[in-house]
Amino acid sequence: MKLSLICGLLLATSAAAAMAQTPPTASEAKKDVHSQKQDPLSIQNSAPEDWNMIKGHDKGYVTKQDALPNSWLATNFVNCDADRDGKVTQAEYQKCQKKQQE
Protein backbone atom coordinates (compact mmCIF):
# COMPACT_ATOMS: atom_id res chain seq x y z
CA MET A 1 0.00 0.00 0.00
CA LYS A 2 2.72 2.48 0.97
CA LEU A 3 4.75 1.57 -2.12
CA SER A 4 1.82 2.27 -4.47
CA LEU A 5 1.16 5.57 -2.69
CA ILE A 6 4.80 6.60 -3.08
CA CYS A 7 4.79 5.58 -6.75
CA GLY A 8 1.60 7.56 -7.31
CA LEU A 9 3.06 10.68 -5.71
CA LEU A 10 6.25 10.29 -7.72
CA LEU A 11 4.28 9.95 -10.94
CA ALA A 12 2.13 12.99 -10.15
CA THR A 13 5.18 15.08 -9.31
CA SER A 14 7.01 14.16 -12.51
CA ALA A 15 3.89 14.82 -14.59
CA ALA A 16 3.50 18.26 -13.02
CA ALA A 17 7.15 19.06 -13.74
CA ALA A 18 6.75 18.00 -17.36
CA MET A 19 3.67 20.19 -17.74
CA ALA A 20 5.51 23.17 -16.26
CA GLN A 21 7.97 23.23 -19.15
CA THR A 22 6.58 25.48 -21.85
CA PRO A 23 7.91 25.90 -25.36
CA PRO A 24 9.92 29.05 -26.02
CA THR A 25 8.12 32.17 -27.17
CA ALA A 26 8.99 33.81 -30.48
CA SER A 27 11.15 36.43 -28.75
CA GLU A 28 13.01 33.74 -26.78
CA ALA A 29 13.62 31.80 -29.99
CA LYS A 30 15.00 34.95 -31.67
CA LYS A 31 17.33 35.54 -28.71
CA ASP A 32 18.56 31.95 -29.02
CA VAL A 33 19.26 32.38 -32.75
CA HIS A 34 21.03 35.68 -32.05
CA SER A 35 23.21 34.09 -29.37
CA GLN A 36 24.11 31.25 -31.75
CA LYS A 37 25.27 33.80 -34.33
CA GLN A 38 27.49 35.43 -31.72
CA ASP A 39 28.96 32.15 -30.48
CA PRO A 40 32.32 31.65 -32.22
CA LEU A 41 32.04 27.89 -31.76
CA SER A 42 28.66 27.69 -33.47
CA ILE A 43 29.15 27.11 -37.18
CA GLN A 44 26.23 28.13 -39.36
CA ASN A 45 27.61 26.73 -42.56
CA SER A 46 29.84 23.72 -42.66
CA ALA A 47 30.24 23.96 -46.43
CA PRO A 48 31.84 26.73 -48.47
CA GLU A 49 29.53 29.39 -49.82
CA ASP A 50 29.27 30.14 -53.53
CA TRP A 51 31.87 32.80 -54.38
CA ASN A 52 29.24 35.09 -55.91
CA MET A 53 27.23 35.04 -52.67
CA ILE A 54 30.06 36.35 -50.48
CA LYS A 55 29.90 40.03 -49.58
CA GLY A 56 32.72 41.93 -51.27
CA HIS A 57 33.41 39.34 -53.99
CA ASP A 58 32.75 41.98 -56.66
CA LYS A 59 36.09 43.61 -55.76
CA GLY A 60 37.85 40.43 -56.87
CA TYR A 61 38.79 39.53 -53.30
CA VAL A 62 37.24 39.35 -49.86
CA THR A 63 38.67 40.41 -46.53
CA LYS A 64 38.17 38.78 -43.15
CA GLN A 65 35.66 41.55 -42.38
CA ASP A 66 33.66 40.65 -45.49
CA ALA A 67 33.24 37.07 -44.31
CA LEU A 68 30.09 36.60 -42.27
CA PRO A 69 30.69 35.61 -38.65
CA ASN A 70 30.61 31.84 -38.18
CA SER A 71 30.62 31.22 -41.93
CA TRP A 72 32.83 28.65 -43.61
CA LEU A 73 35.07 31.39 -45.00
CA ALA A 74 35.47 33.13 -41.64
CA THR A 75 36.49 29.83 -40.09
CA ASN A 76 38.91 28.96 -42.90
CA PHE A 77 40.12 32.44 -43.85
CA VAL A 78 43.71 31.97 -42.68
CA ASN A 79 43.99 28.68 -44.56
CA CYS A 80 42.50 30.18 -47.73
CA ASP A 81 44.68 33.31 -47.73
CA ALA A 82 47.63 31.53 -49.36
CA ASP A 83 49.80 34.62 -49.86
CA ARG A 84 48.94 36.06 -46.41
CA ASP A 85 47.98 39.47 -47.74
CA GLY A 86 44.73 39.70 -45.75
CA LYS A 87 42.65 39.08 -48.87
CA VAL A 88 41.23 35.92 -50.39
CA THR A 89 40.93 36.05 -54.16
CA GLN A 90 38.55 33.91 -56.14
CA ALA A 91 41.43 31.65 -57.22
CA GLU A 92 42.58 31.21 -53.60
CA TYR A 93 39.01 30.52 -52.53
CA GLN A 94 38.45 27.87 -55.18
CA LYS A 95 41.74 26.18 -54.36
CA CYS A 96 40.86 26.20 -50.68
CA GLN A 97 37.42 24.72 -51.43
CA LYS A 98 38.99 21.87 -53.36
CA LYS A 99 41.34 21.08 -50.46
CA GLN A 100 38.34 20.85 -48.13
CA GLN A 101 36.56 18.41 -50.43
CA GLU A 102 39.53 16.03 -50.59
PDB file of N, CA and C in Angstrom:
ATOM      1  N   MET A   1       0.816  -1.191   0.000  1.00  0.00           N
ATOM      2  CA  MET A   1       0.000   0.000   0.000  1.00  0.00           C
ATOM      3  C   MET A   1       0.864   1.261   0.000  1.00  0.00           C
ATOM      4  N   LYS A   2       1.854   1.294   0.892  1.00  0.00           N
ATOM      5  CA  LYS A   2       2.719   2.475   0.974  1.00  0.00           C
ATOM      6  C   LYS A   2       3.530   2.638  -0.312  1.00  0.00           C
ATOM      7  N   LEU A   3       3.959   1.508  -0.893  1.00  0.00           N
ATOM      8  CA  LEU A   3       4.747   1.565  -2.121  1.00  0.00           C
ATOM      9  C   LEU A   3       3.924   2.145  -3.273  1.00  0.00           C
ATOM     10  N   SER A   4       2.666   1.744  -3.390  1.00  0.00           N
ATOM     11  CA  SER A   4       1.824   2.273  -4.471  1.00  0.00           C
ATOM     12  C   SER A   4       1.527   3.752  -4.253  1.00  0.00           C
ATOM     13  N   LEU A   5       1.390   4.159  -2.995  1.00  0.00           N
ATOM     14  CA  LEU A   5       1.155   5.574  -2.693  1.00  0.00           C
ATOM     15  C   LEU A   5       2.390   6.401  -3.057  1.00  0.00           C
ATOM     16  N   ILE A   6       3.557   5.903  -2.747  1.00  0.00           N
ATOM     17  CA  ILE A   6       4.803   6.601  -3.079  1.00  0.00           C
ATOM     18  C   ILE A   6       4.974   6.689  -4.595  1.00  0.00           C
ATOM     19  N   CYS A   7       4.691   5.584  -5.290  1.00  0.00           N
ATOM     20  CA  CYS A   7       4.791   5.581  -6.754  1.00  0.00           C
ATOM     21  C   CYS A   7       3.803   6.568  -7.369  1.00  0.00           C
ATOM     22  N   GLY A   8       2.612   6.634  -6.814  1.00  0.00           N
ATOM     23  CA  GLY A   8       1.602   7.565  -7.315  1.00  0.00           C
ATOM     24  C   GLY A   8       2.033   9.012  -7.136  1.00  0.00           C
ATOM     25  N   LEU A   9       2.586   9.322  -5.971  1.00  0.00           N
ATOM     26  CA  LEU A   9       3.064  10.681  -5.714  1.00  0.00           C
ATOM     27  C   LEU A   9       4.236  11.027  -6.635  1.00  0.00           C
ATOM     28  N   LEU A  10       5.109  10.077  -6.826  1.00  0.00           N
ATOM     29  CA  LEU A  10       6.250  10.295  -7.719  1.00  0.00           C
ATOM     30  C   LEU A  10       5.788  10.546  -9.143  1.00  0.00           C
ATOM     31  N   LEU A  11       4.822   9.787  -9.599  1.00  0.00           N
ATOM     32  CA  LEU A  11       4.278   9.946 -10.945  1.00  0.00           C
ATOM     33  C   LEU A  11       3.596  11.302 -11.097  1.00  0.00           C
ATOM     34  N   ALA A  12       2.823  11.700 -10.104  1.00  0.00           N
ATOM     35  CA  ALA A  12       2.127  12.986 -10.155  1.00  0.00           C
ATOM     36  C   ALA A  12       3.126  14.142 -10.159  1.00  0.00           C
ATOM     37  N   THR A  13       4.171  14.031  -9.374  1.00  0.00           N
ATOM     38  CA  THR A  13       5.185  15.080  -9.311  1.00  0.00           C
ATOM     39  C   THR A  13       5.919  15.219 -10.641  1.00  0.00           C
ATOM     40  N   SER A  14       6.291  14.088 -11.233  1.00  0.00           N
ATOM     41  CA  SER A  14       7.006  14.161 -12.507  1.00  0.00           C
ATOM     42  C   SER A  14       6.101  14.660 -13.627  1.00  0.00           C
ATOM     43  N   ALA A  15       4.828  14.325 -13.585  1.00  0.00           N
ATOM     44  CA  ALA A  15       3.887  14.820 -14.590  1.00  0.00           C
ATOM     45  C   ALA A  15       3.720  16.328 -14.457  1.00  0.00           C
ATOM     46  N   ALA A  16       3.644  16.817 -13.242  1.00  0.00           N
ATOM     47  CA  ALA A  16       3.503  18.260 -13.019  1.00  0.00           C
ATOM     48  C   ALA A  16       4.749  18.996 -13.506  1.00  0.00           C
ATOM     49  N   ALA A  17       5.916  18.422 -13.285  1.00  0.00           N
ATOM     50  CA  ALA A  17       7.150  19.056 -13.740  1.00  0.00           C
ATOM     51  C   ALA A  17       7.216  19.092 -15.261  1.00  0.00           C
ATOM     52  N   ALA A  18       6.752  18.039 -15.896  1.00  0.00           N
ATOM     53  CA  ALA A  18       6.750  17.998 -17.356  1.00  0.00           C
ATOM     54  C   ALA A  18       5.784  19.024 -17.922  1.00  0.00           C
ATOM     55  N   MET A  19       4.660  19.211 -17.280  1.00  0.00           N
ATOM     56  CA  MET A  19       3.668  20.186 -17.742  1.00  0.00           C
ATOM     57  C   MET A  19       4.160  21.613 -17.538  1.00  0.00           C
ATOM     58  N   ALA A  20       5.020  21.819 -16.556  1.00  0.00           N
ATOM     59  CA  ALA A  20       5.511  23.167 -16.257  1.00  0.00           C
ATOM     60  C   ALA A  20       6.461  23.684 -17.324  1.00  0.00           C
ATOM     61  N   GLN A  21       7.055  22.801 -18.095  1.00  0.00           N
ATOM     62  CA  GLN A  21       7.970  23.227 -19.147  1.00  0.00           C
ATOM     63  C   GLN A  21       7.161  23.678 -20.349  1.00  0.00           C
ATOM     64  N   THR A  22       7.320  24.943 -20.706  1.00  0.00           N
ATOM     65  CA  THR A  22       6.583  25.478 -21.850  1.00  0.00           C
ATOM     66  C   THR A  22       7.542  25.714 -23.007  1.00  0.00           C
ATOM     67  N   PRO A  23       7.040  25.634 -24.209  1.00  0.00           N
ATOM     68  CA  PRO A  23       7.906  25.897 -25.358  1.00  0.00           C
ATOM     69  C   PRO A  23       8.321  27.366 -25.380  1.00  0.00           C
ATOM     70  N   PRO A  24       9.445  27.666 -26.002  1.00  0.00           N
ATOM     71  CA  PRO A  24       9.920  29.055 -26.023  1.00  0.00           C
ATOM     72  C   PRO A  24       8.985  29.950 -26.834  1.00  0.00           C
ATOM     73  N   THR A  25       8.905  31.199 -26.412  1.00  0.00           N
ATOM     74  CA  THR A  25       8.121  32.167 -27.165  1.00  0.00           C
ATOM     75  C   THR A  25       8.931  32.605 -28.381  1.00  0.00           C
ATOM     76  N   ALA A  26       8.303  33.342 -29.267  1.00  0.00           N
ATOM     77  CA  ALA A  26       8.991  33.811 -30.477  1.00  0.00           C
ATOM     78  C   ALA A  26      10.191  34.688 -30.120  1.00  0.00           C
ATOM     79  N   SER A  27      10.032  35.547 -29.124  1.00  0.00           N
ATOM     80  CA  SER A  27      11.149  36.427 -28.753  1.00  0.00           C
ATOM     81  C   SER A  27      12.285  35.633 -28.124  1.00  0.00           C
ATOM     82  N   GLU A  28      11.963  34.585 -27.354  1.00  0.00           N
ATOM     83  CA  GLU A  28      13.007  33.737 -26.780  1.00  0.00           C
ATOM     84  C   GLU A  28      13.743  32.981 -27.875  1.00  0.00           C
ATOM     85  N   ALA A  29      13.008  32.525 -28.875  1.00  0.00           N
ATOM     86  CA  ALA A  29      13.624  31.803 -29.993  1.00  0.00           C
ATOM     87  C   ALA A  29      14.553  32.729 -30.773  1.00  0.00           C
ATOM     88  N   LYS A  30      14.146  33.991 -30.969  1.00  0.00           N
ATOM     89  CA  LYS A  30      15.003  34.952 -31.671  1.00  0.00           C
ATOM     90  C   LYS A  30      16.278  35.225 -30.882  1.00  0.00           C
ATOM     91  N   LYS A  31      16.154  35.322 -29.555  1.00  0.00           N
ATOM     92  CA  LYS A  31      17.334  35.536 -28.715  1.00  0.00           C
ATOM     93  C   LYS A  31      18.289  34.360 -28.846  1.00  0.00           C
ATOM     94  N   ASP A  32      17.729  33.147 -28.894  1.00  0.00           N
ATOM     95  CA  ASP A  32      18.559  31.949 -29.021  1.00  0.00           C
ATOM     96  C   ASP A  32      19.300  31.957 -30.353  1.00  0.00           C
ATOM     97  N   VAL A  33      18.616  32.308 -31.432  1.00  0.00           N
ATOM     98  CA  VAL A  33      19.256  32.382 -32.748  1.00  0.00           C
ATOM     99  C   VAL A  33      20.337  33.450 -32.740  1.00  0.00           C
ATOM    100  N   HIS A  34      20.037  34.599 -32.128  1.00  0.00           N
ATOM    101  CA  HIS A  34      21.025  35.684 -32.051  1.00  0.00           C
ATOM    102  C   HIS A  34      22.261  35.231 -31.277  1.00  0.00           C
ATOM    103  N   SER A  35      22.056  34.535 -30.160  1.00  0.00           N
ATOM    104  CA  SER A  35      23.207  34.089 -29.374  1.00  0.00           C
ATOM    105  C   SER A  35      24.024  33.050 -30.135  1.00  0.00           C
ATOM    106  N   GLN A  36      23.379  32.220 -30.946  1.00  0.00           N
ATOM    107  CA  GLN A  36      24.109  31.249 -31.749  1.00  0.00           C
ATOM    108  C   GLN A  36      24.969  31.951 -32.796  1.00  0.00           C
ATOM    109  N   LYS A  37      24.486  33.052 -33.337  1.00  0.00           N
ATOM    110  CA  LYS A  37      25.268  33.802 -34.326  1.00  0.00           C
ATOM    111  C   LYS A  37      26.493  34.435 -33.686  1.00  0.00           C
ATOM    112  N   GLN A  38      26.392  34.786 -32.408  1.00  0.00           N
ATOM    113  CA  GLN A  38      27.495  35.431 -31.724  1.00  0.00           C
ATOM    114  C   GLN A  38      28.494  34.425 -31.161  1.00  0.00           C
ATOM    115  N   ASP A  39      28.094  33.179 -31.051  1.00  0.00           N
ATOM    116  CA  ASP A  39      28.956  32.148 -30.483  1.00  0.00           C
ATOM    117  C   ASP A  39      30.010  31.738 -31.498  1.00  0.00           C
ATOM    118  N   PRO A  40      31.285  31.984 -31.232  1.00  0.00           N
ATOM    119  CA  PRO A  40      32.317  31.653 -32.221  1.00  0.00           C
ATOM    120  C   PRO A  40      32.448  30.154 -32.467  1.00  0.00           C
ATOM    121  N   LEU A  41      31.947  29.329 -31.571  1.00  0.00           N
ATOM    122  CA  LEU A  41      32.042  27.890 -31.763  1.00  0.00           C
ATOM    123  C   LEU A  41      30.847  27.325 -32.511  1.00  0.00           C
ATOM    124  N   SER A  42      29.846  28.145 -32.749  1.00  0.00           N
ATOM    125  CA  SER A  42      28.659  27.695 -33.466  1.00  0.00           C
ATOM    126  C   SER A  42      28.835  27.981 -34.954  1.00  0.00           C
ATOM    127  N   ILE A  43      28.932  26.963 -35.744  1.00  0.00           N
ATOM    128  CA  ILE A  43      29.151  27.114 -37.179  1.00  0.00           C
ATOM    129  C   ILE A  43      27.816  27.037 -37.899  1.00  0.00           C
ATOM    130  N   GLN A  44      27.485  28.108 -38.623  1.00  0.00           N
ATOM    131  CA  GLN A  44      26.227  28.129 -39.359  1.00  0.00           C
ATOM    132  C   GLN A  44      26.321  27.321 -40.640  1.00  0.00           C
ATOM    133  N   ASN A  45      27.409  27.437 -41.301  1.00  0.00           N
ATOM    134  CA  ASN A  45      27.615  26.731 -42.561  1.00  0.00           C
ATOM    135  C   ASN A  45      28.842  25.860 -42.442  1.00  0.00           C
ATOM    136  N   SER A  46      28.680  24.585 -42.697  1.00  0.00           N
ATOM    137  CA  SER A  46      29.839  23.716 -42.656  1.00  0.00           C
ATOM    138  C   SER A  46      30.431  23.535 -44.047  1.00  0.00           C
ATOM    139  N   ALA A  47      29.765  24.066 -45.050  1.00  0.00           N
ATOM    140  CA  ALA A  47      30.238  23.957 -46.429  1.00  0.00           C
ATOM    141  C   ALA A  47      30.563  25.352 -46.958  1.00  0.00           C
ATOM    142  N   PRO A  48      31.489  25.426 -47.892  1.00  0.00           N
ATOM    143  CA  PRO A  48      31.839  26.726 -48.471  1.00  0.00           C
ATOM    144  C   PRO A  48      30.659  27.350 -49.214  1.00  0.00           C
ATOM    145  N   GLU A  49      30.562  28.655 -49.111  1.00  0.00           N
ATOM    146  CA  GLU A  49      29.529  29.395 -49.815  1.00  0.00           C
ATOM    147  C   GLU A  49      29.934  29.546 -51.282  1.00  0.00           C
ATOM    148  N   ASP A  50      28.974  29.820 -52.130  1.00  0.00           N
ATOM    149  CA  ASP A  50      29.269  30.140 -53.526  1.00  0.00           C
ATOM    150  C   ASP A  50      29.998  31.485 -53.546  1.00  0.00           C
ATOM    151  N   TRP A  51      31.065  31.577 -54.322  1.00  0.00           N
ATOM    152  CA  TRP A  51      31.873  32.802 -54.379  1.00  0.00           C
ATOM    153  C   TRP A  51      31.013  34.037 -54.638  1.00  0.00           C
ATOM    154  N   ASN A  52      30.072  33.935 -55.547  1.00  0.00           N
ATOM    155  CA  ASN A  52      29.238  35.086 -55.908  1.00  0.00           C
ATOM    156  C   ASN A  52      28.276  35.512 -54.803  1.00  0.00           C
ATOM    157  N   MET A  53      28.135  34.707 -53.770  1.00  0.00           N
ATOM    158  CA  MET A  53      27.230  35.041 -52.674  1.00  0.00           C
ATOM    159  C   MET A  53      27.970  35.708 -51.506  1.00  0.00           C
ATOM    160  N   ILE A  54      29.275  35.771 -51.579  1.00  0.00           N
ATOM    161  CA  ILE A  54      30.059  36.348 -50.484  1.00  0.00           C
ATOM    162  C   ILE A  54      30.145  37.858 -50.647  1.00  0.00           C
ATOM    163  N   LYS A  55      29.850  38.565 -49.569  1.00  0.00           N
ATOM    164  CA  LYS A  55      29.905  40.027 -49.580  1.00  0.00           C
ATOM    165  C   LYS A  55      31.318  40.477 -49.935  1.00  0.00           C
ATOM    166  N   GLY A  56      31.432  41.382 -50.883  1.00  0.00           N
ATOM    167  CA  GLY A  56      32.721  41.927 -51.270  1.00  0.00           C
ATOM    168  C   GLY A  56      33.381  41.207 -52.428  1.00  0.00           C
ATOM    169  N   HIS A  57      32.794  40.120 -52.903  1.00  0.00           N
ATOM    170  CA  HIS A  57      33.411  39.342 -53.989  1.00  0.00           C
ATOM    171  C   HIS A  57      33.577  40.157 -55.265  1.00  0.00           C
ATOM    172  N   ASP A  58      32.716  41.170 -55.436  1.00  0.00           N
ATOM    173  CA  ASP A  58      32.747  41.976 -56.660  1.00  0.00           C
ATOM    174  C   ASP A  58      34.034  42.799 -56.795  1.00  0.00           C
ATOM    175  N   LYS A  59      34.793  42.916 -55.703  1.00  0.00           N
ATOM    176  CA  LYS A  59      36.090  43.613 -55.758  1.00  0.00           C
ATOM    177  C   LYS A  59      37.168  42.692 -56.339  1.00  0.00           C
ATOM    178  N   GLY A  60      36.857  41.405 -56.414  1.00  0.00           N
ATOM    179  CA  GLY A  60      37.847  40.430 -56.873  1.00  0.00           C
ATOM    180  C   GLY A  60      38.537  39.721 -55.720  1.00  0.00           C
ATOM    181  N   TYR A  61      38.235  40.151 -54.509  1.00  0.00           N
ATOM    182  CA  TYR A  61      38.789  39.533 -53.303  1.00  0.00           C
ATOM    183  C   TYR A  61      37.837  39.812 -52.150  1.00  0.00           C
ATOM    184  N   VAL A  62      37.996  39.082 -51.081  1.00  0.00           N
ATOM    185  CA  VAL A  62      37.239  39.351 -49.861  1.00  0.00           C
ATOM    186  C   VAL A  62      38.218  39.445 -48.702  1.00  0.00           C
ATOM    187  N   THR A  63      37.860  40.261 -47.735  1.00  0.00           N
ATOM    188  CA  THR A  63      38.671  40.407 -46.531  1.00  0.00           C
ATOM    189  C   THR A  63      38.022  39.610 -45.411  1.00  0.00           C
ATOM    190  N   LYS A  64      38.713  39.479 -44.318  1.00  0.00           N
ATOM    191  CA  LYS A  64      38.166  38.777 -43.151  1.00  0.00           C
ATOM    192  C   LYS A  64      36.886  39.470 -42.676  1.00  0.00           C
ATOM    193  N   GLN A  65      36.841  40.794 -42.788  1.00  0.00           N
ATOM    194  CA  GLN A  65      35.658  41.546 -42.376  1.00  0.00           C
ATOM    195  C   GLN A  65      34.467  41.283 -43.297  1.00  0.00           C
ATOM    196  N   ASP A  66      34.738  40.956 -44.560  1.00  0.00           N
ATOM    197  CA  ASP A  66      33.658  40.652 -45.491  1.00  0.00           C
ATOM    198  C   ASP A  66      32.989  39.317 -45.162  1.00  0.00           C
ATOM    199  N   ALA A  67      33.769  38.403 -44.625  1.00  0.00           N
ATOM    200  CA  ALA A  67      33.244  37.072 -44.313  1.00  0.00           C
ATOM    201  C   ALA A  67      32.258  37.179 -43.159  1.00  0.00           C
ATOM    202  N   LEU A  68      31.096  36.573 -43.329  1.00  0.00           N
ATOM    203  CA  LEU A  68      30.093  36.601 -42.271  1.00  0.00           C
ATOM    204  C   LEU A  68      30.592  35.843 -41.051  1.00  0.00           C
ATOM    205  N   PRO A  69      30.278  36.338 -39.856  1.00  0.00           N
ATOM    206  CA  PRO A  69      30.691  35.609 -38.649  1.00  0.00           C
ATOM    207  C   PRO A  69      30.164  34.177 -38.689  1.00  0.00           C
ATOM    208  N   ASN A  70      30.964  33.258 -38.261  1.00  0.00           N
ATOM    209  CA  ASN A  70      30.609  31.841 -38.182  1.00  0.00           C
ATOM    210  C   ASN A  70      30.394  31.174 -39.534  1.00  0.00           C
ATOM    211  N   SER A  71      30.762  31.836 -40.613  1.00  0.00           N
ATOM    212  CA  SER A  71      30.617  31.218 -41.932  1.00  0.00           C
ATOM    213  C   SER A  71      31.825  30.322 -42.197  1.00  0.00           C
ATOM    214  N   TRP A  72      31.730  29.526 -43.236  1.00  0.00           N
ATOM    215  CA  TRP A  72      32.834  28.649 -43.605  1.00  0.00           C
ATOM    216  C   TRP A  72      34.080  29.476 -43.907  1.00  0.00           C
ATOM    217  N   LEU A  73      33.919  30.563 -44.636  1.00  0.00           N
ATOM    218  CA  LEU A  73      35.067  31.394 -44.997  1.00  0.00           C
ATOM    219  C   LEU A  73      35.704  32.027 -43.767  1.00  0.00           C
ATOM    220  N   ALA A  74      34.906  32.524 -42.853  1.00  0.00           N
ATOM    221  CA  ALA A  74      35.471  33.131 -41.636  1.00  0.00           C
ATOM    222  C   ALA A  74      36.284  32.105 -40.859  1.00  0.00           C
ATOM    223  N   THR A  75      35.796  30.896 -40.803  1.00  0.00           N
ATOM    224  CA  THR A  75      36.490  29.830 -40.091  1.00  0.00           C
ATOM    225  C   THR A  75      37.777  29.426 -40.786  1.00  0.00           C
ATOM    226  N   ASN A  76      37.771  29.445 -42.117  1.00  0.00           N
ATOM    227  CA  ASN A  76      38.911  28.960 -42.903  1.00  0.00           C
ATOM    228  C   ASN A  76      39.726  30.072 -43.557  1.00  0.00           C
ATOM    229  N   PHE A  77      39.501  31.313 -43.168  1.00  0.00           N
ATOM    230  CA  PHE A  77      40.124  32.443 -43.850  1.00  0.00           C
ATOM    231  C   PHE A  77      41.649  32.336 -43.874  1.00  0.00           C
ATOM    232  N   VAL A  78      42.253  32.035 -42.760  1.00  0.00           N
ATOM    233  CA  VAL A  78      43.713  31.967 -42.677  1.00  0.00           C
ATOM    234  C   VAL A  78      44.252  30.885 -43.613  1.00  0.00           C
ATOM    235  N   ASN A  79      43.561  29.763 -43.675  1.00  0.00           N
ATOM    236  CA  ASN A  79      43.993  28.682 -44.563  1.00  0.00           C
ATOM    237  C   ASN A  79      43.813  29.049 -46.035  1.00  0.00           C
ATOM    238  N   CYS A  80      42.786  29.819 -46.344  1.00  0.00           N
ATOM    239  CA  CYS A  80      42.504  30.176 -47.734  1.00  0.00           C
ATOM    240  C   CYS A  80      43.392  31.313 -48.237  1.00  0.00           C
ATOM    241  N   ASP A  81      43.831  32.174 -47.351  1.00  0.00           N
ATOM    242  CA  ASP A  81      44.679  33.306 -47.733  1.00  0.00           C
ATOM    243  C   ASP A  81      46.108  32.813 -47.935  1.00  0.00           C
ATOM    244  N   ALA A  82      46.350  32.197 -49.083  1.00  0.00           N
ATOM    245  CA  ALA A  82      47.631  31.527 -49.358  1.00  0.00           C
ATOM    246  C   ALA A  82      48.824  32.478 -49.317  1.00  0.00           C
ATOM    247  N   ASP A  83      48.663  33.694 -49.829  1.00  0.00           N
ATOM    248  CA  ASP A  83      49.800  34.624 -49.859  1.00  0.00           C
ATOM    249  C   ASP A  83      49.859  35.542 -48.634  1.00  0.00           C
ATOM    250  N   ARG A  84      48.963  35.329 -47.686  1.00  0.00           N
ATOM    251  CA  ARG A  84      48.938  36.056 -46.407  1.00  0.00           C
ATOM    252  C   ARG A  84      48.894  37.572 -46.563  1.00  0.00           C
ATOM    253  N   ASP A  85      48.096  38.031 -47.546  1.00  0.00           N
ATOM    254  CA  ASP A  85      47.977  39.475 -47.745  1.00  0.00           C
ATOM    255  C   ASP A  85      46.704  40.048 -47.116  1.00  0.00           C
ATOM    256  N   GLY A  86      45.961  39.234 -46.389  1.00  0.00           N
ATOM    257  CA  GLY A  86      44.733  39.700 -45.745  1.00  0.00           C
ATOM    258  C   GLY A  86      43.543  39.706 -46.678  1.00  0.00           C
ATOM    259  N   LYS A  87      43.718  39.148 -47.874  1.00  0.00           N
ATOM    260  CA  LYS A  87      42.655  39.084 -48.870  1.00  0.00           C
ATOM    261  C   LYS A  87      42.605  37.669 -49.447  1.00  0.00           C
ATOM    262  N   VAL A  88      41.396  37.200 -49.712  1.00  0.00           N
ATOM    263  CA  VAL A  88      41.226  35.917 -50.388  1.00  0.00           C
ATOM    264  C   VAL A  88      40.651  36.212 -51.763  1.00  0.00           C
ATOM    265  N   THR A  89      41.406  35.860 -52.786  1.00  0.00           N
ATOM    266  CA  THR A  89      40.930  36.049 -54.159  1.00  0.00           C
ATOM    267  C   THR A  89      40.054  34.865 -54.549  1.00  0.00           C
ATOM    268  N   GLN A  90      39.399  34.992 -55.673  1.00  0.00           N
ATOM    269  CA  GLN A  90      38.546  33.906 -56.143  1.00  0.00           C
ATOM    270  C   GLN A  90      39.374  32.643 -56.388  1.00  0.00           C
ATOM    271  N   ALA A  91      40.563  32.809 -56.957  1.00  0.00           N
ATOM    272  CA  ALA A  91      41.431  31.650 -57.220  1.00  0.00           C
ATOM    273  C   ALA A  91      41.839  30.974 -55.907  1.00  0.00           C
ATOM    274  N   GLU A  92      42.215  31.772 -54.901  1.00  0.00           N
ATOM    275  CA  GLU A  92      42.585  31.207 -53.596  1.00  0.00           C
ATOM    276  C   GLU A  92      41.388  30.487 -52.971  1.00  0.00           C
ATOM    277  N   TYR A  93      40.232  31.092 -53.100  1.00  0.00           N
ATOM    278  CA  TYR A  93      39.015  30.522 -52.528  1.00  0.00           C
ATOM    279  C   TYR A  93      38.693  29.171 -53.166  1.00  0.00           C
ATOM    280  N   GLN A  94      38.757  29.117 -54.493  1.00  0.00           N
ATOM    281  CA  GLN A  94      38.446  27.870 -55.182  1.00  0.00           C
ATOM    282  C   GLN A  94      39.450  26.775 -54.846  1.00  0.00           C
ATOM    283  N   LYS A  95      40.713  27.153 -54.733  1.00  0.00           N
ATOM    284  CA  LYS A  95      41.744  26.181 -54.360  1.00  0.00           C
ATOM    285  C   LYS A  95      41.500  25.668 -52.944  1.00  0.00           C
ATOM    286  N   CYS A  96      41.124  26.554 -52.067  1.00  0.00           N
ATOM    287  CA  CYS A  96      40.855  26.202 -50.681  1.00  0.00           C
ATOM    288  C   CYS A  96      39.633  25.283 -50.587  1.00  0.00           C
ATOM    289  N   GLN A  97      38.615  25.577 -51.382  1.00  0.00           N
ATOM    290  CA  GLN A  97      37.421  24.722 -51.429  1.00  0.00           C
ATOM    291  C   GLN A  97      37.776  23.316 -51.832  1.00  0.00           C
ATOM    292  N   LYS A  98      38.605  23.193 -52.853  1.00  0.00           N
ATOM    293  CA  LYS A  98      38.995  21.873 -53.359  1.00  0.00           C
ATOM    294  C   LYS A  98      39.744  21.074 -52.299  1.00  0.00           C
ATOM    295  N   LYS A  99      40.605  21.747 -51.535  1.00  0.00           N
ATOM    296  CA  LYS A  99      41.343  21.084 -50.457  1.00  0.00           C
ATOM    297  C   LYS A  99      40.379  20.525 -49.409  1.00  0.00           C
ATOM    298  N   GLN A 100      39.324  21.280 -49.121  1.00  0.00           N
ATOM    299  CA  GLN A 100      38.338  20.851 -48.129  1.00  0.00           C
ATOM    300  C   GLN A 100      37.566  19.623 -48.599  1.00  0.00           C
ATOM    301  N   GLN A 101      37.348  19.516 -49.891  1.00  0.00           N
ATOM    302  CA  GLN A 101      36.558  18.414 -50.432  1.00  0.00           C
ATOM    303  C   GLN A 101      37.362  17.128 -50.529  1.00  0.00           C
ATOM    304  N   GLU A 102      38.677  17.227 -50.467  1.00  0.00           N
ATOM    305  CA  GLU A 102      39.535  16.033 -50.587  1.00  0.00           C
ATOM    306  C   GLU A 102      39.540  15.220 -49.332  1.00  0.00           C
TER     307      GLU A 102
END
